[in-house]
């Protein structure tokens, strides 16, 4: 900065404001005239370097959420994506900013990664890890509904047994977690493809993770918070007594994922 530039105190205050409020960095990057209005020559400010530092600061602010996403943070470090991720996240409109509760931070970060991952192989692997730990973080803090919450007069109502979350992956999250627990993870040896899992938390039971077929996932999503056989059959353009439908639902009941109430 030359001698005719703004006073150092002004520069320091502007930098501090940008780091404290990433939305300002985002607006300065989009329109540098905002800096000129503050009395600073935009050519004297390295916004690129400032955004990287903001990413580091954002990562530090997520230390409390690290406990909820331990394998995600480990994978971030192994892939060398931590600064890139948090730099972009610091400037994202999804970022809830300071004061947000830890679980809200996890929600926002998971949502951001969904968009940020794109079709990059490493980022997709990170997205899978976030999806897995995000689901677990939610189930650990959710209260499973009581078994008697259904209307006893309902017509053969189907309902999830506890809380069910369905997630899709490009790799098996259980294998990914196991790999990350190793001292020297061999990520290139992980199988890639398509996996669907249901996460379950039923009253009085630990969280359960089951691999399912995509069609089963669709059926569980249709049942939602509870549905009669008649309505379910209508949505599937089938009949309530269709043998294939009855068999599929019976298997889900036997697996402990659904319950029936007459």
C-alpha atoms as a PDB file:
ATOM      1  CA  UNK A   1       0.000   0.000   0.000  1.00  0.00           C
ATOM      2  CA  UNK A   2       1.510   3.372  -1.002  1.00  0.00           C
ATOM      3  CA  UNK A   3       1.751   6.437   1.176  1.00  0.00           C
ATOM      4  CA  UNK A   4      -1.279   8.075  -0.406  1.00  0.00           C
ATOM      5  CA  UNK A   5      -3.489   5.142   0.455  1.00  0.00           C
ATOM      6  CA  UNK A   6      -6.030   5.021   3.257  1.00  0.00           C
ATOM      7  CA  UNK A   7      -4.894   4.985   6.820  1.00  0.00           C
ATOM      8  CA  UNK A   8      -3.763   1.578   8.087  1.00  0.00           C
ATOM      9  CA  UNK A   9      -6.467   1.604  10.748  1.00  0.00           C
ATOM     10  CA  UNK A  10      -9.144   1.864   8.046  1.00  0.00           C
ATOM     11  CA  UNK A  11      -7.659  -1.042   6.105  1.00  0.00           C
ATOM     12  CA  UNK A  12      -7.454  -3.180   9.232  1.00  0.00           C
ATOM     13  CA  UNK A  13     -11.045  -2.395  10.181  1.00  0.00           C
ATOM     14  CA  UNK A  14     -12.290  -3.269   6.683  1.00  0.00           C
ATOM     15  CA  UNK A  15     -10.359  -6.570   6.687  1.00  0.00           C
ATOM     16  CA  UNK A  16     -11.701  -7.415  10.146  1.00  0.00           C
ATOM     17  CA  UNK A  17     -15.242  -6.605   8.998  1.00  0.00           C
ATOM     18  CA  UNK A  18     -14.842  -8.871   5.975  1.00  0.00           C
ATOM     19  CA  UNK A  19     -13.581 -11.773   8.064  1.00  0.00           C
ATOM     20  CA  UNK A  20     -16.312 -11.311  10.661  1.00  0.00           C
ATOM     21  CA  UNK A  21     -19.060 -11.080   8.052  1.00  0.00           C
ATOM     22  CA  UNK A  22     -18.443 -13.242   4.954  1.00  0.00           C
ATOM     23  CA  UNK A  23     -21.471 -11.673   3.244  1.00  0.00           C
ATOM     24  CA  UNK A  24     -19.428  -8.499   2.948  1.00  0.00           C
ATOM     25  CA  UNK A  25     -16.621 -10.410   1.253  1.00  0.00           C
ATOM     26  CA  UNK A  26     -19.174 -11.843  -1.129  1.00  0.00           C
ATOM     27  CA  UNK A  27     -20.549  -8.394  -1.949  1.00  0.00           C
ATOM     28  CA  UNK A  28     -17.057  -6.900  -2.380  1.00  0.00           C
ATOM     29  CA  UNK A  29     -16.091  -9.679  -4.773  1.00  0.00           C
ATOM     30  CA  UNK A  30     -19.249  -9.091  -6.791  1.00  0.00           C
ATOM     31  CA  UNK A  31     -18.924  -5.295  -6.812  1.00  0.00           C
ATOM     32  CA  UNK A  32     -15.582  -3.738  -5.867  1.00  0.00           C
ATOM     33  CA  UNK A  33     -17.128  -0.271  -5.918  1.00  0.00           C
ATOM     34  CA  UNK A  34     -18.335  -1.044  -2.405  1.00  0.00           C
ATOM     35  CA  UNK A  35     -14.707  -0.871  -1.266  1.00  0.00           C
ATOM     36  CA  UNK A  36     -14.245   2.429  -3.054  1.00  0.00           C
ATOM     37  CA  UNK A  37     -17.239   3.768  -1.150  1.00  0.00           C
ATOM     38  CA  UNK A  38     -15.401   2.871   2.045  1.00  0.00           C
ATOM     39  CA  UNK A  39     -12.426   4.924   0.924  1.00  0.00           C
ATOM     40  CA  UNK A  40     -10.237   2.001  -0.195  1.00  0.00           C
ATOM     41  CA  UNK A  41      -8.759   1.471  -3.650  1.00  0.00           C
ATOM     42  CA  UNK A  42     -10.014  -2.009  -4.684  1.00  0.00           C
ATOM     43  CA  UNK A  43      -6.720  -2.712  -6.478  1.00  0.00           C
ATOM     44  CA  UNK A  44      -4.894  -2.541  -3.160  1.00  0.00           C
ATOM     45  CA  UNK A  45      -7.014  -5.290  -1.592  1.00  0.00           C
ATOM     46  CA  UNK A  46      -6.210  -8.934  -2.341  1.00  0.00           C
ATOM     47  CA  UNK A  47      -9.722 -10.326  -2.034  1.00  0.00           C
ATOM     48  CA  UNK A  48      -8.531 -13.754  -3.189  1.00  0.00           C
ATOM     49  CA  UNK A  49      -6.097 -14.046  -0.268  1.00  0.00           C
ATOM     50  CA  UNK A  50      -8.672 -12.584   2.094  1.00  0.00           C
ATOM     51  CA  UNK A  51     -11.249 -15.188   1.038  1.00  0.00           C
ATOM     52  CA  UNK A  52      -8.723 -17.980   1.707  1.00  0.00           C
ATOM     53  CA  UNK A  53      -8.088 -16.599   5.185  1.00  0.00           C
ATOM     54  CA  UNK A  54     -11.846 -16.349   5.690  1.00  0.00           C
ATOM     55  CA  UNK A  55     -12.048 -20.045   4.800  1.00  0.00           C
ATOM     56  CA  UNK A  56      -9.494 -20.886   7.475  1.00  0.00           C
ATOM     57  CA  UNK A  57     -11.406 -18.786   9.995  1.00  0.00           C
ATOM     58  CA  UNK A  58     -14.640 -20.516   8.995  1.00  0.00           C
ATOM     59  CA  UNK A  59     -13.048 -23.924   9.518  1.00  0.00           C
ATOM     60  CA  UNK A  60     -11.962 -22.902  13.017  1.00  0.00           C
ATOM     61  CA  UNK A  61     -15.506 -21.738  13.792  1.00  0.00           C
ATOM     62  CA  UNK A  62     -16.710 -25.266  12.998  1.00  0.00           C
ATOM     63  CA  UNK A  63     -14.640 -26.908  15.740  1.00  0.00           C
ATOM     64  CA  UNK A  64     -17.829 -27.624  17.725  1.00  0.00           C
ATOM     65  CA  UNK A  65     -19.416 -29.416  14.791  1.00  0.00           C
ATOM     66  CA  UNK A  66     -16.316 -31.558  14.289  1.00  0.00           C
ATOM     67  CA  UNK A  67     -17.597 -33.892  17.011  1.00  0.00           C
ATOM     68  CA  UNK A  68     -20.714 -34.552  14.900  1.00  0.00           C
ATOM     69  CA  UNK A  69     -18.765 -34.984  11.654  1.00  0.00           C
ATOM     70  CA  UNK A  70     -15.453 -36.572  12.725  1.00  0.00           C
ATOM     71  CA  UNK A  71     -14.938 -38.703   9.615  1.00  0.00           C
ATOM     72  CA  UNK A  72     -15.983 -35.842   7.347  1.00  0.00           C
ATOM     73  CA  UNK A  73     -13.253 -33.636   8.773  1.00  0.00           C
ATOM     74  CA  UNK A  74     -10.723 -36.457   8.526  1.00  0.00           C
ATOM     75  CA  UNK A  75     -11.646 -37.033   4.886  1.00  0.00           C
ATOM     76  CA  UNK A  76     -11.459 -33.289   4.180  1.00  0.00           C
ATOM     77  CA  UNK A  77      -7.904 -33.253   5.491  1.00  0.00           C
ATOM     78  CA  UNK A  78      -6.868 -36.392   3.599  1.00  0.00           C
ATOM     79  CA  UNK A  79      -8.225 -35.038   0.322  1.00  0.00           C
ATOM     80  CA  UNK A  80      -6.731 -31.595   0.913  1.00  0.00           C
ATOM     81  CA  UNK A  81     -10.124 -29.972   0.382  1.00  0.00           C
ATOM     82  CA  UNK A  82     -10.626 -28.314   3.759  1.00  0.00           C
ATOM     83  CA  UNK A  83      -9.544 -24.779   2.837  1.00  0.00           C
ATOM     84  CA  UNK A  84     -11.236 -24.951  -0.582  1.00  0.00           C
ATOM     85  CA  UNK A  85     -14.498 -26.064   1.015  1.00  0.00           C
ATOM     86  CA  UNK A  86     -14.581 -23.572   3.860  1.00  0.00           C
ATOM     87  CA  UNK A  87     -13.372 -20.755   1.647  1.00  0.00           C
ATOM     88  CA  UNK A  88     -16.364 -21.303  -0.645  1.00  0.00           C
ATOM     89  CA  UNK A  89     -18.675 -21.919   2.293  1.00  0.00           C
ATOM     90  CA  UNK A  90     -17.613 -18.706   4.018  1.00  0.00           C
ATOM     91  CA  UNK A  91     -18.889 -16.781   0.994  1.00  0.00           C
ATOM     92  CA  UNK A  92     -22.032 -18.884   0.557  1.00  0.00           C
ATOM     93  CA  UNK A  93     -25.527 -17.620   1.244  1.00  0.00           C
ATOM     94  CA  UNK A  94     -26.149 -20.990   2.959  1.00  0.00           C
ATOM     95  CA  UNK A  95     -23.737 -20.066   5.741  1.00  0.00           C
ATOM     96  CA  UNK A  96     -25.863 -19.213   8.812  1.00  0.00           C
ATOM     97  CA  UNK A  97     -23.040 -17.149  10.333  1.00  0.00           C
ATOM     98  CA  UNK A  98     -22.046 -16.818  13.946  1.00  0.00           C
ATOM     99  CA  UNK A  99     -24.404 -17.765  16.733  1.00  0.00           C
ATOM    100  CA  UNK A 100     -25.988 -20.709  14.920  1.00  0.00           C
ATOM    101  CA  UNK A 101     -26.533 -23.886  16.946  1.00  0.00           C
ATOM    102  CA  UNK A 102     -24.137 -26.791  16.177  1.00  0.00           C
ATOM    103  CA  UNK A 103     -26.835 -28.929  14.514  1.00  0.00           C
ATOM    104  CA  UNK A 104     -27.949 -25.943  12.420  1.00  0.00           C
ATOM    105  CA  UNK A 105     -24.336 -25.564  11.293  1.00  0.00           C
ATOM    106  CA  UNK A 106     -24.236 -29.233  10.336  1.00  0.00           C
ATOM    107  CA  UNK A 107     -27.497 -28.847   8.386  1.00  0.00           C
ATOM    108  CA  UNK A 108     -26.192 -25.810   6.515  1.00  0.00           C
ATOM    109  CA  UNK A 109     -22.806 -27.350   5.756  1.00  0.00           C
ATOM    110  CA  UNK A 110     -24.392 -30.591   4.526  1.00  0.00           C
ATOM    111  CA  UNK A 111     -26.715 -28.648   2.249  1.00  0.00           C
ATOM    112  CA  UNK A 112     -23.814 -26.635   0.876  1.00  0.00           C
ATOM    113  CA  UNK A 113     -21.722 -29.739   0.141  1.00  0.00           C
ATOM    114  CA  UNK A 114     -24.626 -31.222  -1.839  1.00  0.00           C
ATOM    115  CA  UNK A 115     -24.353 -28.337  -4.323  1.00  0.00           C
ATOM    116  CA  UNK A 116     -20.578 -27.845  -4.067  1.00  0.00           C
ATOM    117  CA  UNK A 117     -19.680 -31.479  -4.812  1.00  0.00           C
ATOM    118  CA  UNK A 118     -20.754 -31.326  -8.467  1.00  0.00           C
ATOM    119  CA  UNK A 119     -19.339 -34.254 -10.467  1.00  0.00           C
ATOM    120  CA  UNK A 120     -15.842 -34.192  -8.944  1.00  0.00           C
ATOM    121  CA  UNK A 121     -14.891 -37.675  -7.700  1.00  0.00           C
ATOM    122  CA  UNK A 122     -13.253 -36.548  -4.451  1.00  0.00           C
ATOM    123  CA  UNK A 123     -16.010 -34.078  -3.639  1.00  0.00           C
ATOM    124  CA  UNK A 124     -18.669 -36.728  -4.253  1.00  0.00           C
ATOM    125  CA  UNK A 125     -16.864 -39.009  -1.809  1.00  0.00           C
ATOM    126  CA  UNK A 126     -16.935 -36.165   0.713  1.00  0.00           C
ATOM    127  CA  UNK A 127     -20.640 -35.639  -0.004  1.00  0.00           C
ATOM    128  CA  UNK A 128     -21.277 -39.315   0.797  1.00  0.00           C
ATOM    129  CA  UNK A 129     -19.448 -38.981   4.096  1.00  0.00           C
ATOM    130  CA  UNK A 130     -21.410 -35.859   5.025  1.00  0.00           C
ATOM    131  CA  UNK A 131     -24.721 -37.536   4.113  1.00  0.00           C
ATOM    132  CA  UNK A 132     -23.890 -40.465   6.392  1.00  0.00           C
ATOM    133  CA  UNK A 133     -22.777 -38.460   9.414  1.00  0.00           C
ATOM    134  CA  UNK A 134     -25.507 -35.871   8.915  1.00  0.00           C
ATOM    135  CA  UNK A 135     -28.157 -38.609   9.108  1.00  0.00           C
ATOM    136  CA  UNK A 136     -26.581 -40.057  12.249  1.00  0.00           C
ATOM    137  CA  UNK A 137     -26.317 -36.613  13.878  1.00  0.00           C
ATOM    138  CA  UNK A 138     -30.026 -36.021  13.324  1.00  0.00           C
ATOM    139  CA  UNK A 139     -31.155 -39.411  14.586  1.00  0.00           C
ATOM    140  CA  UNK A 140     -29.027 -39.078  17.722  1.00  0.00           C
ATOM    141  CA  UNK A 141     -30.919 -35.908  18.607  1.00  0.00           C
ATOM    142  CA  UNK A 142     -34.417 -36.871  17.501  1.00  0.00           C
ATOM    143  CA  UNK A 143     -36.992 -38.444  19.784  1.00  0.00           C
ATOM    144  CA  UNK A 144     -38.618 -41.552  18.364  1.00  0.00           C
ATOM    145  CA  UNK A 145     -42.439 -41.316  18.345  1.00  0.00           C
ATOM    146  CA  UNK A 146     -44.390 -43.373  20.842  1.00  0.00           C
ATOM    147  CA  UNK A 147     -45.807 -46.677  19.647  1.00  0.00           C
ATOM    148  CA  UNK A 148     -49.356 -45.538  20.496  1.00  0.00           C
ATOM    149  CA  UNK A 149     -49.351 -42.334  18.416  1.00  0.00           C
ATOM    150  CA  UNK A 150     -51.605 -43.825  15.718  1.00  0.00           C
ATOM    151  CA  UNK A 151     -55.375 -43.561  15.517  1.00  0.00           C
ATOM    152  CA  UNK A 152     -56.624 -47.030  16.539  1.00  0.00           C
ATOM    153  CA  UNK A 153     -59.663 -46.620  14.254  1.00  0.00           C
ATOM    154  CA  UNK A 154     -57.516 -46.119  11.130  1.00  0.00           C
ATOM    155  CA  UNK A 155     -57.934 -48.550   8.240  1.00  0.00           C
ATOM    156  CA  UNK A 156     -54.932 -50.911   8.420  1.00  0.00           C
ATOM    157  CA  UNK A 157     -52.554 -47.972   8.668  1.00  0.00           C
ATOM    158  CA  UNK A 158     -48.888 -48.453   7.827  1.00  0.00           C
ATOM    159  CA  UNK A 159     -46.335 -46.353   9.633  1.00  0.00           C
ATOM    160  CA  UNK A 160     -42.547 -46.272   9.997  1.00  0.00           C
ATOM    161  CA  UNK A 161     -41.224 -48.083  13.037  1.00  0.00           C
ATOM    162  CA  UNK A 162     -39.554 -45.126  14.686  1.00  0.00           C
ATOM    163  CA  UNK A 163     -37.758 -42.564  12.522  1.00  0.00           C
ATOM    164  CA  UNK A 164     -36.530 -43.579   9.074  1.00  0.00           C
ATOM    165  CA  UNK A 165     -34.141 -41.594   6.886  1.00  0.00           C
ATOM    166  CA  UNK A 166     -33.365 -42.773   3.348  1.00  0.00           C
ATOM    167  CA  UNK A 167     -30.052 -41.785   1.743  1.00  0.00           C
ATOM    168  CA  UNK A 168     -28.322 -42.594  -1.550  1.00  0.00           C
ATOM    169  CA  UNK A 169     -24.557 -42.951  -1.996  1.00  0.00           C
ATOM    170  CA  UNK A 170     -21.890 -43.492  -4.628  1.00  0.00           C
ATOM    171  CA  UNK A 171     -19.996 -45.747  -2.222  1.00  0.00           C
ATOM    172  CA  UNK A 172     -20.875 -47.868   0.800  1.00  0.00           C
ATOM    173  CA  UNK A 173     -20.635 -45.443   3.782  1.00  0.00           C
ATOM    174  CA  UNK A 174     -19.787 -48.292   6.149  1.00  0.00           C
ATOM    175  CA  UNK A 175     -16.759 -49.241   4.047  1.00  0.00           C
ATOM    176  CA  UNK A 176     -15.766 -45.588   3.803  1.00  0.00           C
ATOM    177  CA  UNK A 177     -15.869 -45.189   7.587  1.00  0.00           C
ATOM    178  CA  UNK A 178     -13.853 -48.371   8.030  1.00  0.00           C
ATOM    179  CA  UNK A 179     -11.242 -47.112   5.564  1.00  0.00           C
ATOM    180  CA  UNK A 180     -10.979 -43.759   7.358  1.00  0.00           C
ATOM    181  CA  UNK A 181     -10.346 -45.520  10.671  1.00  0.00           C
ATOM    182  CA  UNK A 182      -7.121 -46.921   9.270  1.00  0.00           C
ATOM    183  CA  UNK A 183      -3.846 -45.118   9.871  1.00  0.00           C
ATOM    184  CA  UNK A 184      -3.245 -44.907   6.131  1.00  0.00           C
ATOM    185  CA  UNK A 185      -6.656 -45.039   4.394  1.00  0.00           C
ATOM    186  CA  UNK A 186      -6.692 -46.624   0.941  1.00  0.00           C
ATOM    187  CA  UNK A 187      -9.484 -44.573  -0.573  1.00  0.00           C
ATOM    188  CA  UNK A 188      -8.715 -45.636  -4.141  1.00  0.00           C
ATOM    189  CA  UNK A 189      -9.706 -49.204  -3.245  1.00  0.00           C
ATOM    190  CA  UNK A 190     -13.261 -48.247  -2.335  1.00  0.00           C
ATOM    191  CA  UNK A 191     -15.960 -49.571  -4.626  1.00  0.00           C
ATOM    192  CA  UNK A 192     -17.912 -46.952  -6.564  1.00  0.00           C
ATOM    193  CA  UNK A 193     -21.426 -47.359  -7.845  1.00  0.00           C
ATOM    194  CA  UNK A 194     -24.868 -46.847  -6.337  1.00  0.00           C
ATOM    195  CA  UNK A 195     -25.996 -47.695  -2.810  1.00  0.00           C
ATOM    196  CA  UNK A 196     -29.214 -46.916  -0.946  1.00  0.00           C
ATOM    197  CA  UNK A 197     -29.473 -47.126   2.845  1.00  0.00           C
ATOM    198  CA  UNK A 198     -32.195 -46.557   5.399  1.00  0.00           C
ATOM    199  CA  UNK A 199     -31.255 -45.196   8.829  1.00  0.00           C
ATOM    200  CA  UNK A 200     -33.639 -46.191  11.603  1.00  0.00           C
ATOM    201  CA  UNK A 201     -34.107 -45.092  15.179  1.00  0.00           C
ATOM    202  CA  UNK A 202     -36.884 -46.990  16.928  1.00  0.00           C
ATOM    203  CA  UNK A 203     -37.918 -46.465  20.534  1.00  0.00           C
ATOM    204  CA  UNK A 204     -35.704 -48.429  22.902  1.00  0.00           C
ATOM    205  CA  UNK A 205     -33.279 -49.519  20.181  1.00  0.00           C
ATOM    206  CA  UNK A 206     -29.930 -48.214  18.906  1.00  0.00           C
ATOM    207  CA  UNK A 207     -29.633 -46.586  15.501  1.00  0.00           C
ATOM    208  CA  UNK A 208     -29.737 -49.169  12.718  1.00  0.00           C
ATOM    209  CA  UNK A 209     -28.380 -48.930   9.170  1.00  0.00           C
ATOM    210  CA  UNK A 210     -29.685 -51.229   6.424  1.00  0.00           C
ATOM    211  CA  UNK A 211     -28.824 -51.456   2.743  1.00  0.00           C
ATOM    212  CA  UNK A 212     -31.999 -51.555   0.618  1.00  0.00           C
ATOM    213  CA  UNK A 213     -33.058 -51.599  -3.028  1.00  0.00           C
ATOM    214  CA  UNK A 214     -34.074 -48.259  -4.596  1.00  0.00           C
ATOM    215  CA  UNK A 215     -37.607 -49.584  -5.069  1.00  0.00           C
ATOM    216  CA  UNK A 216     -37.856 -50.322  -1.349  1.00  0.00           C
ATOM    217  CA  UNK A 217     -36.638 -46.797  -0.632  1.00  0.00           C
ATOM    218  CA  UNK A 218     -39.407 -45.391  -2.828  1.00  0.00           C
ATOM    219  CA  UNK A 219     -41.968 -47.467  -0.944  1.00  0.00           C
ATOM    220  CA  UNK A 220     -40.708 -46.257   2.440  1.00  0.00           C
ATOM    221  CA  UNK A 221     -40.835 -42.653   1.256  1.00  0.00           C
ATOM    222  CA  UNK A 222     -44.435 -43.140   0.098  1.00  0.00           C
ATOM    223  CA  UNK A 223     -45.479 -44.476   3.487  1.00  0.00           C
ATOM    224  CA  UNK A 224     -43.970 -41.383   5.093  1.00  0.00           C
ATOM    225  CA  UNK A 225     -45.544 -40.658   8.487  1.00  0.00           C
ATOM    226  CA  UNK A 226     -48.340 -43.170   7.999  1.00  0.00           C
ATOM    227  CA  UNK A 227     -50.658 -44.288   5.228  1.00  0.00           C
ATOM    228  CA  UNK A 228     -53.603 -46.622   4.773  1.00  0.00           C
ATOM    229  CA  UNK A 229     -53.297 -49.580   2.438  1.00  0.00           C
ATOM    230  CA  UNK A 230     -56.003 -48.060   0.241  1.00  0.00           C
ATOM    231  CA  UNK A 231     -54.225 -44.737  -0.196  1.00  0.00           C
ATOM    232  CA  UNK A 232     -50.885 -46.436  -0.720  1.00  0.00           C
ATOM    233  CA  UNK A 233     -52.368 -48.665  -3.413  1.00  0.00           C
ATOM    234  CA  UNK A 234     -53.908 -45.618  -5.109  1.00  0.00           C
ATOM    235  CA  UNK A 235     -50.539 -43.852  -5.231  1.00  0.00           C
ATOM    236  CA  UNK A 236     -48.958 -46.980  -6.703  1.00  0.00           C
ATOM    237  CA  UNK A 237     -51.881 -47.418  -9.128  1.00  0.00           C
ATOM    238  CA  UNK A 238     -52.388 -50.870  -7.695  1.00  0.00           C
ATOM    239  CA  UNK A 239     -54.904 -52.698  -5.510  1.00  0.00           C
ATOM    240  CA  UNK A 240     -54.721 -52.929  -1.749  1.00  0.00           C
ATOM    241  CA  UNK A 241     -54.757 -56.741  -1.955  1.00  0.00           C
ATOM    242  CA  UNK A 242     -52.170 -56.974  -4.755  1.00  0.00           C
ATOM    243  CA  UNK A 243     -50.006 -59.993  -3.797  1.00  0.00           C
ATOM    244  CA  UNK A 244     -46.731 -58.291  -4.789  1.00  0.00           C
ATOM    245  CA  UNK A 245     -47.559 -55.179  -2.746  1.00  0.00           C
ATOM    246  CA  UNK A 246     -48.707 -57.198   0.257  1.00  0.00           C
ATOM    247  CA  UNK A 247     -45.539 -59.319   0.113  1.00  0.00           C
ATOM    248  CA  UNK A 248     -43.265 -56.265  -0.120  1.00  0.00           C
ATOM    249  CA  UNK A 249     -44.957 -54.572   2.834  1.00  0.00           C
ATOM    250  CA  UNK A 250     -44.922 -57.794   4.843  1.00  0.00           C
ATOM    251  CA  UNK A 251     -41.170 -58.052   4.308  1.00  0.00           C
ATOM    252  CA  UNK A 252     -40.716 -54.467   5.529  1.00  0.00           C
ATOM    253  CA  UNK A 253     -42.822 -55.209   8.590  1.00  0.00           C
ATOM    254  CA  UNK A 254     -40.838 -58.397   9.270  1.00  0.00           C
ATOM    255  CA  UNK A 255     -37.609 -56.422   8.883  1.00  0.00           C
ATOM    256  CA  UNK A 256     -38.847 -54.079  11.599  1.00  0.00           C
ATOM    257  CA  UNK A 257     -38.975 -50.992   9.350  1.00  0.00           C
ATOM    258  CA  UNK A 258     -42.761 -50.652   9.227  1.00  0.00           C
ATOM    259  CA  UNK A 259     -45.569 -51.404  11.652  1.00  0.00           C
ATOM    260  CA  UNK A 260     -49.273 -52.029  11.054  1.00  0.00           C
ATOM    261  CA  UNK A 261     -52.236 -50.868  13.105  1.00  0.00           C
ATOM    262  CA  UNK A 262     -55.800 -52.091  12.568  1.00  0.00           C
END
